[in-house]
Every structure is written in structure tokens, then in C-alpha cells.
Protein backbone atom coordinates (compact mmCIF):
# COMPACT_ATOMS: atom_id res chain seq x y z
CA PRO A 1 -6.77 28.66 -52.68
CA VAL A 2 -7.11 32.24 -50.92
CA ALA A 3 -4.45 34.17 -49.65
CA ALA A 4 -5.01 36.94 -46.69
CA LEU A 5 -2.51 39.72 -46.76
CA ASP A 6 -1.92 40.72 -43.26
CA LEU A 7 0.06 43.84 -43.28
CA ASN A 8 -1.64 45.47 -40.39
CA PRO A 9 0.71 45.04 -37.54
CA GLY A 10 -0.01 44.84 -33.88
CA GLN A 11 -3.32 43.82 -31.91
CA THR A 12 -5.45 44.51 -34.81
CA SER A 13 -3.63 42.34 -37.13
CA LEU A 14 -5.81 39.31 -38.67
CA ALA A 15 -3.16 36.82 -37.30
CA GLU A 16 -4.25 38.56 -33.69
CA LEU A 17 -7.73 38.54 -34.15
CA ALA A 18 -8.35 35.29 -35.63
CA GLY A 19 -5.73 33.35 -33.65
CA ILE A 20 -4.31 31.50 -36.88
CA ALA A 21 -1.05 30.69 -37.08
CA PRO A 22 0.03 32.00 -40.32
CA ALA A 23 1.23 29.97 -43.33
CA ALA A 24 4.24 32.20 -44.24
CA THR A 25 5.49 35.61 -43.62
CA ALA A 26 5.76 38.28 -46.96
CA ARG A 27 9.87 38.34 -46.83
CA GLY A 28 9.58 34.60 -46.57
CA LEU A 29 7.63 34.38 -49.88
CA LEU A 30 10.42 36.91 -51.25
CA ALA A 31 12.82 34.46 -50.12
CA GLY A 32 11.09 31.31 -51.68
CA GLN A 33 9.39 29.90 -48.80
CA GLN A 34 6.45 27.75 -49.72
CA ALA A 35 3.02 28.54 -47.64
CA ALA A 36 2.24 25.59 -45.44
CA GLY A 37 -0.15 23.98 -46.79
CA SER A 38 0.80 25.02 -50.47
CA PRO A 39 0.11 22.63 -53.23
CA ASN A 40 3.79 21.61 -53.63
CA ASN A 41 3.82 20.03 -50.14
CA GLY A 42 0.39 18.31 -50.64
CA SER A 43 -0.98 19.25 -47.41
CA ARG A 44 -3.64 21.82 -48.44
CA ARG A 45 -7.06 21.22 -47.60
CA PRO A 46 -10.03 22.61 -49.85
CA GLY A 47 -11.10 25.95 -49.55
CA GLN A 48 -7.96 26.80 -47.41
CA LEU A 49 -7.18 30.07 -46.33
CA ASP A 50 -3.62 30.95 -46.09
CA LEU A 51 -2.73 33.92 -43.71
CA ILE A 52 0.74 35.83 -44.92
CA ALA A 53 2.28 37.41 -41.99
CA HIS A 54 3.79 40.75 -41.96
CA ASP A 55 7.69 41.09 -40.88
CA SER A 56 8.37 43.89 -38.86
CA ILE A 57 10.66 46.01 -37.72
CA GLY A 58 11.35 47.62 -34.13
CA ASP A 59 8.27 50.58 -34.48
CA GLY A 60 6.06 47.59 -35.93
CA ARG A 61 6.03 49.14 -39.20
CA PRO A 62 6.29 46.14 -42.16
CA ASP A 63 10.06 46.30 -42.86
CA LEU A 64 9.34 46.12 -46.72
CA THR A 65 10.57 48.47 -49.72
CA ASP A 66 8.60 49.73 -52.21
CA ALA A 67 10.04 47.39 -54.61
CA GLU A 68 9.85 44.51 -52.66
CA TYR A 69 5.73 45.01 -52.21
CA ALA A 70 5.59 44.99 -55.68
CA ARG A 71 7.58 41.66 -55.76
CA LEU A 72 5.37 40.03 -52.81
CA ILE A 73 2.46 40.71 -54.83
CA ARG A 74 3.55 39.33 -58.21
CA VAL A 75 4.26 36.45 -56.00
CA LEU A 76 1.01 36.06 -54.76
CA ALA A 77 -0.68 36.54 -57.91
CA GLY A 78 1.25 33.86 -59.67
CA ARG A 79 0.05 31.43 -56.35
CA TYR A 80 -3.39 32.40 -55.41
CA PRO A 81 -6.10 33.09 -57.73
CA LEU A 82 -7.60 35.69 -54.81
CA THR A 83 -5.74 37.35 -52.70
CA LEU A 84 -7.37 39.48 -49.75
CA ALA A 85 -5.16 42.50 -48.08
CA ASP A 86 -5.40 44.20 -44.89
CA PRO A 87 -2.69 46.83 -45.95
CA GLY A 88 -3.11 49.22 -42.69
CA ALA A 89 -2.19 52.84 -42.70
CA ILE A 90 1.18 52.83 -43.69
CA ALA A 91 0.74 50.23 -46.51
CA VAL A 92 -2.53 51.33 -48.65
CA ALA A 93 -0.93 53.61 -51.05
CA ARG A 94 1.94 50.92 -51.98
CA VAL A 95 -1.18 47.82 -52.14
CA LEU A 96 -3.82 49.81 -53.98
CA ALA A 97 -1.47 49.87 -57.25
CA ALA A 98 -2.28 46.61 -57.58
CA ALA A 99 -5.99 46.33 -56.34
CA ASP A 100 -8.92 45.09 -58.63
CA GLN A 101 -11.24 45.59 -55.78
CA LEU A 102 -11.68 47.78 -52.92
CA VAL A 103 -13.66 46.70 -49.63
CA LEU A 104 -14.57 49.90 -47.51
CA VAL A 105 -15.20 49.39 -43.71
CA ALA A 106 -16.58 52.02 -41.49
CA PRO A 107 -17.95 51.47 -38.07
CA ALA A 108 -20.94 52.06 -37.25
CA SER A 109 -20.59 55.58 -35.20
CA ALA A 110 -20.72 59.06 -35.23
CA ASP A 111 -17.65 59.41 -37.35
CA ALA A 112 -18.70 57.12 -39.77
CA ALA A 113 -19.73 59.44 -42.37
CA GLN A 114 -16.59 61.96 -42.18
CA ALA A 115 -14.33 58.68 -41.99
CA VAL A 116 -15.85 57.49 -45.26
CA THR A 117 -15.70 61.29 -46.63
CA MET A 118 -11.89 61.64 -46.69
CA THR A 119 -11.11 58.38 -47.56
CA MET A 120 -13.09 58.92 -51.01
CA GLU A 121 -11.91 61.95 -51.04
CA TRP A 122 -8.18 60.58 -50.84
CA LEU A 123 -8.52 57.90 -53.31
CA ASP A 124 -10.53 60.56 -55.83
CA GLY A 125 -7.20 62.32 -55.10
CA HIS A 126 -4.68 60.00 -55.98
CA GLY A 127 -6.01 58.74 -58.90
CA TYR A 128 -8.12 55.60 -57.83
CA GLY A 129 -11.49 56.98 -58.62
CA ASP A 130 -12.32 53.58 -60.97
CA LEU A 131 -11.59 51.80 -57.44
CA VAL A 132 -14.07 53.73 -55.65
CA THR A 133 -16.96 53.38 -58.14
CA ASN A 134 -16.50 49.50 -58.23
CA ALA A 135 -16.12 48.99 -54.29
CA ILE A 136 -18.38 47.78 -51.88
CA ALA A 137 -19.02 49.92 -48.75
CA VAL A 138 -19.42 47.96 -45.29
CA ILE A 139 -20.82 49.45 -42.31
CA ASN A 140 -19.82 47.18 -39.59
CA GLY A 141 -21.75 46.93 -35.99
CA VAL A 142 -25.21 48.04 -36.60
CA SER A 143 -27.69 48.37 -34.38
CA LYS A 144 -30.87 50.31 -33.33
CA ARG A 145 -29.17 52.76 -31.77
CA SER A 146 -26.29 53.60 -34.29
CA MET A 147 -29.21 53.64 -37.17
CA THR A 148 -29.40 57.55 -37.71
CA HIS A 149 -25.01 57.02 -37.97
CA VAL A 150 -25.24 54.44 -40.33
CA GLU A 151 -27.95 56.36 -42.86
CA GLN A 152 -25.54 59.31 -42.83
CA ALA A 153 -22.56 57.36 -44.33
CA GLU A 154 -24.89 55.30 -46.31
CA LEU A 155 -25.64 58.79 -48.04
CA VAL A 156 -22.23 60.05 -48.32
CA VAL A 157 -21.44 56.26 -50.59
CA ARG A 158 -24.99 56.21 -52.34
CA GLY A 159 -24.21 56.23 -56.09
CA ARG A 160 -20.75 56.55 -55.75
CA CYS A 161 -19.88 52.68 -54.79
CA ARG A 162 -21.39 49.33 -56.15
CA ALA A 163 -22.83 48.17 -53.65
CA THR A 164 -23.49 48.97 -49.57
CA VAL A 165 -23.52 46.13 -46.74
CA ARG A 166 -24.77 46.65 -43.38
CA VAL A 167 -23.04 44.45 -40.88
CA PRO A 168 -25.35 43.89 -37.75
CA TRP A 169 -23.60 43.96 -34.37
CA ASP A 170 -23.06 40.54 -32.83
CA ASP A 171 -20.80 40.33 -29.60
CA HIS A 172 -18.76 37.58 -31.46
CA LEU A 173 -17.19 40.14 -33.73
CA GLY A 174 -15.56 42.23 -30.82
CA ALA A 175 -14.08 38.61 -29.07
CA PRO A 176 -10.55 37.85 -30.32
CA ALA A 177 -9.79 34.47 -30.87
CA ASP A 178 -8.39 32.82 -27.47
CA GLU A 179 -7.69 29.73 -25.85
CA THR A 180 -11.51 29.12 -25.19
CA SER A 181 -12.08 29.73 -28.84
CA PRO A 182 -12.21 26.40 -31.64
CA GLY A 183 -8.71 26.10 -33.21
CA GLY A 184 -7.41 24.43 -36.21
CA PRO A 185 -9.05 23.07 -39.25
CA GLY A 186 -12.21 24.07 -39.43
CA ALA A 187 -12.06 27.10 -36.71
CA GLY A 188 -13.08 29.54 -38.86
CA GLU A 189 -16.30 27.83 -40.03
CA ALA A 190 -17.26 27.22 -36.04
CA ARG A 191 -16.75 30.89 -35.13
CA PHE A 192 -18.68 31.85 -38.18
CA GLY A 193 -21.53 29.37 -37.08
CA GLN A 194 -21.70 31.13 -33.44
CA LEU A 195 -22.79 34.59 -35.15
CA ARG A 196 -26.62 35.30 -35.67
CA PRO A 197 -28.19 34.53 -38.89
CA PRO A 198 -28.96 38.35 -40.31
CA VAL A 199 -25.02 38.63 -39.23
CA GLN A 200 -23.93 35.29 -41.30
CA HIS A 201 -26.54 36.52 -43.86
CA ALA A 202 -24.55 39.70 -44.13
CA TYR A 203 -21.07 38.51 -44.72
CA THR A 204 -22.46 35.76 -47.09
CA ALA A 205 -23.57 38.81 -49.34
CA LEU A 206 -20.42 40.74 -48.72
CA ALA A 207 -18.82 37.38 -50.04
């Protein structure tokens, strides 16, 4: 069982992009709620991914204190052998303290090298150099037109991160799930199958 902790509110949240119904919310877990499909209710599917959604206040910021973040991470660690977290800018520092592995994602654009440089400098400056050394760098949306930008970004991470993965451009990656997309059990596998083979290979290598 794997949990995906979605702490990135708004239209770019995992729930919005993937069209997945959350198994629970962060505050619900803190209150003792069982995730839908958890082993305790007997309905978990093999390989199930549980999306844990954020709780937000009026301006969209996650409504959790530092102590609640720490307790939420302990709850997830007790229930799942693997938790993937998409923290968003406001929650990065809180999640990093418990992270074992970073996946640094940059778009294949003219800003990629600068974005990666600033991110790594911030991590080094705040005591997360070890996480940088073991990180996986992902350059997303690679095409022939963006190759110069891709190579510049890779120069920044070369020798500093454990590995780099190029994810080729695919129109399906930019299309959010909607009512025309497959839903329910197996929806993720169906969407993965729509991707071009080189993109499937890149994501398999990343995994």
C-alpha cells in the first residue's frame, strides 16, 4: 500500500489533475479516520494508491500547524511502507524534515537551469545537502525544441544528484482527468497505457 500526500492546493493538486477521489483527508487521519480501502475495512486492492487530500482554509493554504504536520507524518509512516508527498511551496520545509528521498522536477524550459540551481542552493543552505546527493532529478516534457534547455539543467545537477531522468513530452500529460477519462479502479493504469512507449519507459525508470 502506498499513500500520496497531496499538500498542494488548487488546480494543480493531485486530486484535481488525476480526478481521483481522496481516500481520506489529512485532518481526518489526525482525528483517527481510516482511509477508504484500508486493511481495517477489508476493501483494499493489491497495489492500491491512497490519495490523502489537504484540508484548506479560506485562502487555500493547508490548515495544519507544525505539530500537526509532524503527527500526520508519523500516522502515515505507521500505516504505509511508502508515502509520496507533493507539498507545494508552503509545506516544503515541514515535509523535508521527514523525507528520505527527493524527486526534483523541472520543466524542460528556459527557466529550468535557474530553477534547479536556486532549489539546490536553498536545500544546501538549509542543511539538506544529503538529500540533494541522493535525489533524483526529473526533466519533464523533453522535446527536440527544448533540448538546449534540458542539457543546461542537466549540467547543474550532474555529479550532485544520484540520477537524472528525462520524461519526453506527451500530450496526455498536459490533459487533466475529466468526464471523458476512464475512472474508478484501474483508471491510472488505463491512462498510463495511453502514453507513448518512450514516456512509459521514462516513468518506469523513475519508479
